[in-house]
Amino acid sequence: MRLLPALVALITLLSLRPAPAQVKLGNEVLAAGGFKELQGKRVGLLTNPSGVNSRLESTVDLLRRAPGVKLVALFAPEHGLNADVPAGQEFPNATDARTGLPVFSLYGPGPVRRPTAAMLKGLDALVYDIQDTGCRSYTFISSMGLAMEACASNGVAFVVLDRPNPLGGERIEGPLLHLDFRSMVGQWPIPYAYGLTPGELAQMINGERWIAKPCALKVIKLENWRRWMTWRDTGLPWVPTSPYMPFPDSPLHYVSTGILGHIGGVSIGIGYTLPFQTIAAPWLNADDAANYFNGLGLRGVRFRAITYTPFYGAGKEQHNGGVQVFFTEPATAPLMAINFYALDAARKLGGKNLWAAAAESGSKMSMFDKIMGGDRVRKQLDAGTSARALVNSWKADEDAFRQRRQKYLLY
């Protein structure tokens, strides 16, 4: 009983501990410092609607009115300057109707995937301010590194206004990309979930010589961000980074079902109101699916039985049963593994071999290898490797990368 007062005191002390200060974004740190890193410079800005501060003010507007800074061009990644272009669809250069500034497409026909010398002509610096998802296959980090390489070749400085990794800075999941499989859905030899901020990754791209020539790089660091934080912990508003990333937890769900969506045969909520949040099909029983997935004992994730009718996409206009995914411990719950446990579930609950059906498509398998960063996972699935064995096979890659990234960490 003597321990009771001490326990009460400890609980009281913990309850009085102040909440972490709101994270201050790189664009806010830049502004608070009087934009000194850009003073007297003609700059371009690679951004989209996610490039805002905590008051939802666009970095476009911040730089346009910044004293001593001349914003002369905008650059747009996949999905376009307004993030309203469908995935994979190219778009041309344009003029921004609101500002009158030229908008150079880094996802243009040709194809154009990096700034050309003509685009960079007359620039002293190219500023990067885009919210990323923390997933290798999301193309913004490919655009970032390719822009760094172009800037190095053309004598233009590259400035990253740093942003949080919404998956947290401790999560590392998946196999390393093999350089023979480089594409826009995987440019750098990093795991699928890589646990770095854009600024940290930019430093690693430079430092590891993953581009032909290192660029003159400056990272404007975050303030008050800690590696354990997922987006929920930052105190920041979430602005959709692309059409199917509407919610703060969307990056978590993207990693957990996006690969499954590429394999096909089930609905992952695209075409309904829950993009990347579900695993469902007309041939699945919702209660059976929830019992199966919860029975896996995956820490920090729960599966709720759900039925719905997609408006378009997989399972369109059919009654689908399955699960909705909830993350109770978003910083530590396994994400990537869920894609592959779902393949096991389809076989055991519905008698469906989703992998065998997908493997009949050569183009689908080519893209799968690019997404996975190599052909190893495809060969493992062809051999019938279970989800648990597949996930365990990535550990050596994950451990090696965790060590390799250490000298590039800023937080």
Protein backbone atom coordinates (compact mmCIF):
# COMPACT_ATOMS: atom_id res chain seq x y z
CA MET A 1 0.00 0.00 0.00
CA ARG A 2 2.99 2.33 0.51
CA LEU A 3 3.51 2.31 -3.23
CA LEU A 4 0.07 3.78 -3.86
CA PRO A 5 0.93 7.46 -3.09
CA ALA A 6 4.05 7.24 -5.27
CA LEU A 7 2.03 5.70 -8.08
CA VAL A 8 -0.62 8.41 -7.83
CA ALA A 9 2.12 11.08 -7.88
CA LEU A 10 3.67 9.53 -10.99
CA ILE A 11 0.34 9.38 -12.80
CA THR A 12 -0.34 13.01 -11.87
CA LEU A 13 3.09 14.06 -13.10
CA LEU A 14 2.58 12.29 -16.43
CA SER A 15 -0.84 13.86 -16.86
CA LEU A 16 0.67 17.32 -16.33
CA ARG A 17 3.44 16.78 -18.87
CA PRO A 18 2.97 19.36 -21.62
CA ALA A 19 2.01 18.14 -25.06
CA PRO A 20 4.73 18.37 -27.70
CA ALA A 21 4.96 21.77 -29.36
CA GLN A 22 3.39 21.98 -32.79
CA VAL A 23 5.82 21.11 -35.51
CA LYS A 24 7.16 24.10 -37.42
CA LEU A 25 7.58 23.39 -41.13
CA GLY A 26 10.62 24.26 -43.19
CA ASN A 27 8.70 26.98 -45.00
CA GLU A 28 7.82 28.57 -41.64
CA VAL A 29 11.43 28.39 -40.45
CA LEU A 30 12.50 30.02 -43.73
CA ALA A 31 9.98 32.84 -43.25
CA ALA A 32 10.89 33.34 -39.58
CA GLY A 33 14.51 33.81 -40.66
CA GLY A 34 13.60 36.52 -43.14
CA PHE A 35 14.13 34.25 -46.18
CA LYS A 36 17.85 34.90 -45.83
CA GLU A 37 18.80 31.73 -47.72
CA LEU A 38 17.02 33.09 -50.81
CA GLN A 39 17.85 36.79 -50.53
CA GLY A 40 18.74 38.40 -53.85
CA LYS A 41 17.98 35.21 -55.77
CA ARG A 42 15.77 34.32 -58.70
CA VAL A 43 14.05 31.12 -57.68
CA GLY A 44 11.82 28.39 -59.01
CA LEU A 45 9.47 26.38 -56.79
CA LEU A 46 8.67 22.68 -57.17
CA THR A 47 5.39 22.25 -55.32
CA ASN A 48 1.69 21.32 -55.34
CA PRO A 49 -1.27 22.14 -53.02
CA SER A 50 0.42 20.34 -50.10
CA GLY A 51 3.10 23.06 -50.09
CA VAL A 52 1.46 25.16 -47.39
CA ASN A 53 2.31 26.31 -43.89
CA SER A 54 0.35 25.53 -40.73
CA ARG A 55 -2.04 28.39 -41.53
CA LEU A 56 -2.67 26.88 -44.98
CA GLU A 57 -0.85 29.71 -46.75
CA SER A 58 0.71 28.52 -49.98
CA THR A 59 4.50 28.62 -50.31
CA VAL A 60 3.85 30.12 -53.76
CA ASP A 61 2.34 33.16 -52.05
CA LEU A 62 4.96 33.22 -49.28
CA LEU A 63 7.77 33.45 -51.84
CA ARG A 64 5.94 35.90 -54.09
CA ARG A 65 5.70 38.43 -51.28
CA ALA A 66 9.03 37.64 -49.62
CA PRO A 67 11.25 40.75 -49.64
CA GLY A 68 14.39 40.34 -51.71
CA VAL A 69 13.19 37.09 -53.34
CA LYS A 70 12.12 36.85 -56.98
CA LEU A 71 9.89 33.86 -57.71
CA VAL A 72 10.01 33.42 -61.48
CA ALA A 73 8.80 29.86 -62.22
CA LEU A 74 6.79 26.97 -60.84
CA PHE A 75 7.52 23.27 -61.34
CA ALA A 76 4.90 20.53 -60.96
CA PRO A 77 5.34 16.79 -60.15
CA GLU A 78 2.98 13.94 -61.02
CA HIS A 79 -0.69 14.95 -60.54
CA GLY A 80 0.12 18.56 -61.51
CA LEU A 81 0.40 21.87 -59.74
CA ASN A 82 -3.16 21.54 -58.41
CA ALA A 83 -2.91 17.78 -57.64
CA ASP A 84 -5.96 17.12 -59.81
CA VAL A 85 -4.39 15.07 -62.63
CA PRO A 86 -4.99 11.28 -62.40
CA ALA A 87 -2.06 9.02 -61.49
CA GLY A 88 0.23 8.23 -64.39
CA GLN A 89 -1.28 10.83 -66.71
CA GLU A 90 1.21 13.20 -68.31
CA PHE A 91 0.47 16.92 -68.61
CA PRO A 92 2.16 19.75 -70.55
CA ASN A 93 3.81 22.98 -69.49
CA ALA A 94 1.35 25.77 -68.82
CA THR A 95 0.87 29.21 -67.33
CA ASP A 96 -0.60 29.50 -63.85
CA ALA A 97 -3.82 31.49 -64.21
CA ARG A 98 -3.62 32.92 -60.70
CA THR A 99 -0.02 34.16 -60.67
CA GLY A 100 0.85 34.37 -64.35
CA LEU A 101 3.99 32.33 -63.68
CA PRO A 102 5.16 29.59 -66.05
CA VAL A 103 4.47 26.08 -64.82
CA PHE A 104 7.01 23.50 -65.99
CA SER A 105 5.79 19.91 -66.00
CA LEU A 106 8.09 17.28 -64.51
CA TYR A 107 5.58 14.65 -65.61
CA GLY A 108 5.25 15.81 -69.17
CA PRO A 109 5.07 14.14 -72.57
CA GLY A 110 8.28 13.07 -74.17
CA PRO A 111 8.63 11.95 -71.47
CA VAL A 112 10.01 14.80 -69.38
CA ARG A 113 10.80 13.73 -65.83
CA ARG A 114 13.43 16.29 -64.78
CA PRO A 115 13.99 20.01 -65.33
CA THR A 116 15.68 20.82 -68.62
CA ALA A 117 18.42 23.42 -69.02
CA ALA A 118 15.86 25.74 -70.62
CA MET A 119 13.55 25.43 -67.60
CA LEU A 120 16.40 26.23 -65.20
CA LYS A 121 17.86 29.07 -67.25
CA GLY A 122 18.19 32.26 -65.19
CA LEU A 123 17.47 30.54 -61.84
CA ASP A 124 19.79 30.84 -58.87
CA ALA A 125 17.90 28.25 -56.82
CA LEU A 126 15.14 25.67 -57.13
CA VAL A 127 13.06 25.31 -53.95
CA TYR A 128 11.31 22.04 -53.12
CA ASP A 129 8.20 22.11 -50.90
CA ILE A 130 5.92 19.09 -51.31
CA GLN A 131 4.43 16.86 -48.63
CA ASP A 132 5.53 13.28 -49.23
CA THR A 133 3.97 10.03 -48.03
CA GLY A 134 7.11 8.22 -46.84
CA CYS A 135 6.64 5.48 -49.44
CA ARG A 136 9.24 4.75 -52.14
CA SER A 137 6.70 4.20 -54.94
CA TYR A 138 5.14 7.65 -54.49
CA THR A 139 6.86 9.58 -57.28
CA PHE A 140 7.55 12.91 -55.58
CA ILE A 141 10.89 11.75 -54.15
CA SER A 142 11.92 10.54 -57.60
CA SER A 143 11.14 14.01 -58.95
CA MET A 144 13.08 15.58 -56.10
CA GLY A 145 16.27 13.64 -56.76
CA LEU A 146 16.09 14.04 -60.53
CA ALA A 147 15.61 17.79 -60.04
CA MET A 148 18.66 17.81 -57.76
CA GLU A 149 20.68 16.13 -60.50
CA ALA A 150 19.51 18.64 -63.11
CA CYS A 151 20.33 21.54 -60.82
CA ALA A 152 23.84 20.18 -60.27
CA SER A 153 24.39 20.00 -64.03
CA ASN A 154 23.18 23.56 -64.54
CA GLY A 155 24.80 25.32 -61.58
CA VAL A 156 21.52 25.92 -59.72
CA ALA A 157 21.27 25.53 -55.95
CA PHE A 158 18.61 23.18 -54.53
CA VAL A 159 16.73 24.14 -51.36
CA VAL A 160 14.48 21.67 -49.51
CA LEU A 161 11.88 23.14 -47.17
CA ASP A 162 11.66 20.11 -44.94
CA ARG A 163 8.44 18.35 -43.95
CA PRO A 164 7.51 15.47 -41.63
CA ASN A 165 7.46 11.90 -42.81
CA PRO A 166 3.78 11.08 -42.13
CA LEU A 167 4.64 7.43 -41.41
CA GLY A 168 7.12 8.52 -38.74
CA GLY A 169 10.89 8.59 -38.87
CA GLU A 170 11.48 5.20 -37.29
CA ARG A 171 9.52 2.96 -39.67
CA ILE A 172 11.61 1.02 -42.21
CA GLU A 173 9.81 -1.72 -44.14
CA GLY A 174 10.46 -3.75 -47.24
CA PRO A 175 13.27 -4.80 -49.55
CA LEU A 176 15.83 -2.40 -50.94
CA LEU A 177 15.43 -1.30 -54.55
CA HIS A 178 17.90 -2.82 -57.01
CA LEU A 179 19.26 -0.18 -59.39
CA ASP A 180 18.44 -2.31 -62.45
CA PHE A 181 14.77 -1.63 -61.66
CA ARG A 182 14.89 2.16 -61.36
CA SER A 183 11.78 4.01 -62.52
CA MET A 184 9.60 6.87 -61.37
CA VAL A 185 8.02 4.53 -58.80
CA GLY A 186 11.47 3.76 -57.43
CA GLN A 187 14.66 5.73 -58.14
CA TRP A 188 16.73 5.21 -54.99
CA PRO A 189 18.07 2.06 -53.24
CA ILE A 190 15.87 2.50 -50.18
CA PRO A 191 13.19 0.30 -48.59
CA TYR A 192 9.53 0.66 -49.52
CA ALA A 193 8.90 2.64 -46.30
CA TYR A 194 12.17 4.45 -45.66
CA GLY A 195 11.76 6.53 -42.49
CA LEU A 196 13.36 9.79 -43.70
CA THR A 197 12.11 13.33 -44.19
CA PRO A 198 12.54 14.80 -47.70
CA GLY A 199 15.50 16.81 -46.45
CA GLU A 200 17.19 13.75 -44.97
CA LEU A 201 16.60 11.77 -48.14
CA ALA A 202 18.00 14.65 -50.24
CA GLN A 203 21.15 14.57 -48.11
CA MET A 204 21.41 10.82 -48.61
CA ILE A 205 20.93 11.10 -52.39
CA ASN A 206 23.76 13.62 -52.48
CA GLY A 207 26.01 11.87 -49.98
CA GLU A 208 25.68 8.38 -51.43
CA ARG A 209 26.29 9.67 -54.97
CA TRP A 210 23.01 8.28 -56.26
CA ILE A 211 23.00 11.10 -58.81
CA ALA A 212 25.74 11.75 -61.33
CA LYS A 213 26.91 14.93 -59.62
CA PRO A 214 25.99 16.18 -56.12
CA CYS A 215 24.07 19.43 -56.10
CA ALA A 216 24.56 22.52 -53.95
CA LEU A 217 21.99 21.46 -51.34
CA LYS A 218 20.48 23.42 -48.46
CA VAL A 219 17.87 21.89 -46.15
CA ILE A 220 15.72 24.22 -44.08
CA LYS A 221 15.03 22.00 -41.09
CA LEU A 222 11.83 21.36 -39.19
CA GLU A 223 11.43 22.45 -35.60
CA ASN A 224 9.81 20.32 -32.86
CA TRP A 225 9.52 17.21 -35.01
CA ARG A 226 10.55 13.92 -33.42
CA ARG A 227 11.20 10.64 -35.18
CA TRP A 228 8.38 8.83 -33.35
CA MET A 229 5.77 11.23 -34.72
CA THR A 230 3.29 10.20 -37.38
CA TRP A 231 1.12 12.88 -38.97
CA ARG A 232 -1.46 12.68 -36.15
CA ASP A 233 1.21 13.87 -33.70
CA THR A 234 2.38 16.95 -35.60
CA GLY A 235 -0.53 19.30 -34.91
CA LEU A 236 -0.53 20.21 -38.60
CA PRO A 237 -3.45 20.23 -41.06
CA TRP A 238 -3.35 17.60 -43.78
CA VAL A 239 -3.75 18.78 -47.38
CA PRO A 240 -4.32 15.98 -49.91
CA THR A 241 -1.11 15.33 -51.84
CA SER A 242 -2.95 13.62 -54.72
CA PRO A 243 -6.56 12.60 -55.51
CA TYR A 244 -6.57 9.45 -53.35
CA MET A 245 -4.69 10.87 -50.36
CA PRO A 246 -7.53 12.80 -48.68
CA PHE A 247 -6.97 12.01 -44.98
CA PRO A 248 -4.12 12.31 -42.45
CA ASP A 249 -3.89 8.50 -42.23
CA SER A 250 -4.00 8.02 -46.02
CA PRO A 251 -0.21 7.47 -46.26
CA LEU A 252 -0.47 4.63 -43.72
CA HIS A 253 -3.23 3.00 -45.73
CA TYR A 254 -1.42 3.55 -49.03
CA VAL A 255 1.50 1.43 -47.84
CA SER A 256 -0.78 -1.25 -46.38
CA THR A 257 -3.01 -1.90 -49.42
CA GLY A 258 -1.57 -0.06 -52.45
CA ILE A 259 0.46 -3.07 -53.64
CA LEU A 260 -2.62 -5.28 -53.25
CA GLY A 261 -4.56 -2.79 -55.37
CA HIS A 262 -2.00 -3.17 -58.15
CA ILE A 263 -2.23 -6.97 -57.98
CA GLY A 264 -6.00 -6.63 -58.31
CA GLY A 265 -8.99 -8.85 -57.70
CA VAL A 266 -10.23 -6.99 -54.61
CA SER A 267 -11.47 -3.52 -53.76
CA ILE A 268 -9.17 -1.42 -51.58
CA GLY A 269 -11.74 1.38 -51.24
CA ILE A 270 -10.81 3.27 -54.41
CA GLY A 271 -14.10 3.85 -56.15
CA TYR A 272 -15.76 4.19 -52.76
CA THR A 273 -15.31 6.76 -49.99
CA LEU A 274 -12.42 4.98 -48.26
CA PRO A 275 -9.39 4.96 -50.60
CA PHE A 276 -6.76 2.41 -49.53
CA GLN A 277 -8.69 1.68 -46.31
CA THR A 278 -10.46 -1.57 -47.19
CA ILE A 279 -9.89 -5.12 -48.42
CA ALA A 280 -13.16 -6.40 -49.86
CA ALA A 281 -14.70 -8.42 -52.68
CA PRO A 282 -18.11 -9.80 -53.72
CA TRP A 283 -16.93 -13.30 -52.75
CA LEU A 284 -15.70 -12.36 -49.22
CA ASN A 285 -17.79 -12.67 -46.07
CA ALA A 286 -17.19 -9.60 -43.92
CA ASP A 287 -17.34 -11.34 -40.53
CA ASP A 288 -15.10 -14.17 -41.66
CA ALA A 289 -12.59 -11.67 -43.07
CA ALA A 290 -12.53 -9.61 -39.86
CA ASN A 291 -12.02 -12.75 -37.75
CA TYR A 292 -9.22 -13.92 -40.01
CA PHE A 293 -7.28 -10.65 -40.09
CA ASN A 294 -7.72 -9.94 -36.38
CA GLY A 295 -6.65 -13.50 -35.68
CA LEU A 296 -3.25 -12.77 -37.22
CA GLY A 297 -2.39 -10.81 -34.08
CA LEU A 298 -0.79 -7.90 -35.92
CA ARG A 299 0.11 -5.35 -33.27
CA GLY A 300 -1.39 -1.87 -33.53
CA VAL A 301 -3.94 -2.63 -36.25
CA ARG A 302 -7.57 -3.70 -36.10
CA PHE A 303 -9.88 -4.89 -38.84
CA ARG A 304 -13.60 -4.05 -38.81
CA ALA A 305 -16.12 -6.02 -40.82
CA ILE A 306 -17.58 -3.86 -43.59
CA THR A 307 -19.92 -4.18 -46.58
CA TYR A 308 -20.26 -1.61 -49.35
CA THR A 309 -20.93 -1.12 -53.06
CA PRO A 310 -18.15 0.67 -54.98
CA PHE A 311 -19.22 3.37 -57.42
CA TYR A 312 -16.43 2.42 -59.82
CA GLY A 313 -13.27 0.30 -59.98
CA ALA A 314 -12.89 -3.20 -58.53
CA GLY A 315 -16.22 -4.70 -57.46
CA LYS A 316 -18.16 -1.86 -59.11
CA GLU A 317 -21.91 -1.91 -58.41
CA GLN A 318 -21.60 -5.21 -56.53
CA HIS A 319 -22.12 -5.94 -52.86
CA ASN A 320 -18.61 -6.31 -51.42
CA GLY A 321 -17.74 -7.79 -48.05
CA GLY A 322 -14.45 -7.48 -46.25
CA VAL A 323 -12.60 -5.36 -43.72
CA GLN A 324 -11.81 -1.74 -43.02
CA VAL A 325 -8.30 -1.20 -41.62
CA PHE A 326 -7.77 0.90 -38.46
CA PHE A 327 -4.39 1.75 -36.97
CA THR A 328 -4.48 1.88 -33.18
CA GLU A 329 -0.69 2.31 -32.96
CA PRO A 330 0.18 4.13 -36.19
CA ALA A 331 3.88 4.56 -35.42
CA THR A 332 4.57 0.85 -34.96
CA ALA A 333 1.79 -1.13 -36.66
CA PRO A 334 3.02 -3.20 -39.64
CA LEU A 335 1.91 -1.71 -42.94
CA MET A 336 3.46 -3.32 -45.99
CA ALA A 337 2.85 -6.83 -44.68
CA ILE A 338 -0.93 -6.37 -44.84
CA ASN A 339 -0.85 -6.46 -48.65
CA PHE A 340 0.54 -9.97 -48.60
CA TYR A 341 -1.52 -11.31 -45.71
CA ALA A 342 -4.49 -10.33 -47.87
CA LEU A 343 -3.27 -12.71 -50.60
CA ASP A 344 -3.24 -15.51 -48.04
CA ALA A 345 -6.72 -14.49 -46.86
CA ALA A 346 -8.14 -14.61 -50.39
CA ARG A 347 -6.91 -18.19 -50.82
CA LYS A 348 -8.13 -19.41 -47.45
CA LEU A 349 -11.47 -17.59 -47.29
CA GLY A 350 -12.49 -17.33 -50.93
CA GLY A 351 -10.49 -19.94 -52.76
CA LYS A 352 -9.05 -17.16 -54.92
CA ASN A 353 -5.43 -17.08 -56.06
CA LEU A 354 -5.11 -13.37 -56.76
CA TRP A 355 -1.40 -13.65 -57.44
CA ALA A 356 -1.79 -16.32 -60.14
CA ALA A 357 -4.42 -14.20 -61.90
CA ALA A 358 -2.20 -11.11 -61.83
CA ALA A 359 0.87 -13.05 -62.98
CA GLU A 360 -0.83 -13.78 -66.31
CA SER A 361 -0.36 -10.11 -67.24
CA GLY A 362 3.19 -9.34 -68.34
CA SER A 363 2.68 -5.58 -68.12
CA LYS A 364 1.26 -5.87 -64.61
CA MET A 365 4.23 -7.97 -63.49
CA SER A 366 6.69 -5.51 -65.04
CA MET A 367 5.17 -2.69 -63.01
CA PHE A 368 5.01 -4.92 -59.92
CA ASP A 369 8.77 -5.46 -60.14
CA LYS A 370 9.31 -1.71 -60.41
CA ILE A 371 7.08 -1.05 -57.41
CA MET A 372 8.86 -3.73 -55.39
CA GLY A 373 12.29 -2.55 -56.54
CA GLY A 374 13.28 -5.87 -58.11
CA ASP A 375 12.07 -9.32 -59.10
CA ARG A 376 12.82 -11.08 -55.81
CA VAL A 377 9.34 -10.69 -54.31
CA ARG A 378 7.68 -11.78 -57.55
CA LYS A 379 9.78 -14.95 -57.60
CA GLN A 380 8.98 -15.62 -53.93
CA LEU A 381 5.26 -15.29 -54.61
CA ASP A 382 5.56 -17.50 -57.70
CA ALA A 383 7.11 -20.13 -55.39
CA GLY A 384 4.18 -19.89 -52.96
CA THR A 385 6.05 -18.12 -50.14
CA SER A 386 3.73 -17.21 -47.26
CA ALA A 387 3.20 -13.63 -46.15
CA ARG A 388 5.00 -14.20 -42.87
CA ALA A 389 8.06 -15.72 -44.55
CA LEU A 390 8.07 -12.95 -47.15
CA VAL A 391 8.07 -10.23 -44.51
CA ASN A 392 10.84 -11.95 -42.55
CA SER A 393 13.00 -12.13 -45.68
CA TRP A 394 13.28 -8.32 -45.77
CA LYS A 395 14.94 -7.99 -42.37
CA ALA A 396 18.54 -7.97 -43.62
CA ASP A 397 17.77 -5.17 -46.07
CA GLU A 398 15.91 -3.19 -43.42
CA ASP A 399 18.75 -3.53 -40.90
CA ALA A 400 21.40 -2.58 -43.45
CA PHE A 401 19.51 0.54 -44.50
CA ARG A 402 18.84 1.58 -40.92
CA GLN A 403 22.58 1.62 -40.36
CA ARG A 404 23.44 3.27 -43.69
CA ARG A 405 21.02 6.17 -43.23
CA GLN A 406 22.34 7.07 -39.78
CA LYS A 407 24.77 9.83 -40.81
CA TYR A 408 22.07 11.65 -42.77
CA LEU A 409 19.55 12.01 -39.95
CA LEU A 410 18.73 15.58 -38.99
CA TYR A 411 16.36 14.86 -36.08
